[in-house]
């Protein structure tokens, strides 16, 4: 519910921001179009008064948006560049369009945009500063217009036609173009409050998301620890109860009169004691591996002989369980640097899982292969397999693949966590894939030792 609420707030905020942006864009277009139409109208009025040119109808003064930041205005009359710059500055200022712009006039002879100018590199009101300071009117007085005419005649030779890179428009002949190189400045100034609010909301959402992530992780950890304690209690209670029962029977003096029964209860005590010792050993392994300064007793080890000895030792500890372990080696001589105790425990844990999680007679194949700079040990079993979605999680502490309400196999979820940590302490890699027997294959990658 909280996630849905946060997503809803983000969507609403995004909607308002987009709506504000579109509204400002529409406002910019309307204000710019209005200013350019007014400039075209004033140019026609000026030509009519000074050059006795007939005034053009307003419908001929078309403003067309070529791109997001470029407009062309069809004046259909003579355009004076100095006058154009003045009118553009006044009209933009009147409408609070305080942003940089470039302008140019189309030249019929060169078929290029010429007389380019900008309000950034020069003072756009350099000629009509007195007129602009006196009034905001868009029309000049008659005296000013006559002065304009005289000024233009004097500077006609000085004003050279200089081509610029603004694009042309084939639809018109007498027109000018206006380009806004940094139109985003217009939006940023009007949307600053929205940006600020969005920034605050973004940090709030990030903080909320992090807090939610921590809560979910803590809940998952709590569930895992709860399951671990339940499993631990059950695994310890069973052998303890069996030993307690056997002890009571053995304490009866008459038991000596039944040697077969005596031997059976002694066997039960020994078996449950081994089971209890195995559980304690796993817990000790976990405690040991968690020490940040775990010191590995590294030795030069013959890989093939070590695996064979570990498998033999593992078979002696299985209390008669029926299974098969085969070793296939494609390497004649493999020497690695490893801690024999922890390496042996690593192999024990993988083999133990392969036997426990199998609903038929376990058949395990250990293959030793060699690549350019590493050895590969693969443990191939015919067990129940591991779904792909759980393969990365099985190496996490306390994690066990969900089996619904069925708990045929007991454990703590510590074995593979120990395997991965020992592999990483040695600088090795371990992963798991499925195999053709619908079981799992654990692959241990060991770097070759530099002799």
Foldseek 3Di string as FASTA:
>chain_A
DVVVVLVVVVVVLVVVLVVLLVVLLVVVVVLVQVLQLLLLQQQQVLCCLPVVDDRDDSVQFDWDDPDSFKIKTFSVDDDDLLSSLQSSVLSCVVVVVPAKKKKFWQDPVVRATWPIDIVPVDPSCPPPPVVVVVDSDSHDDSVVSVVVVVVCVVCVVVRDTDGDDDDDDPVHDTMMMMGGPCSVVSVCVVCVVSVVVVVVSVVVVVVVVVVVVVVVVVVVVVVLVVVLVVLVVVQQVVLVVLLVVLVVVVVDPCVVVPVVVVVVSVVSNVVSVLSNVVQVVLVVLVVQLPDPPRDAPKDWDWVVVLVVVLVVVLVVSPVPQAAEEEEAEPDDTAIAIGRSVLVSLLVSLVVVVLCQQAPDHKYWYWYWDDDDFKIKTKIAILGQADDPVCFVVLLDFSDDPDDDPDPPDGDRSRSSVSNQSRLVVQVKDWGWDADPSNYIMIMIIGGGDDD
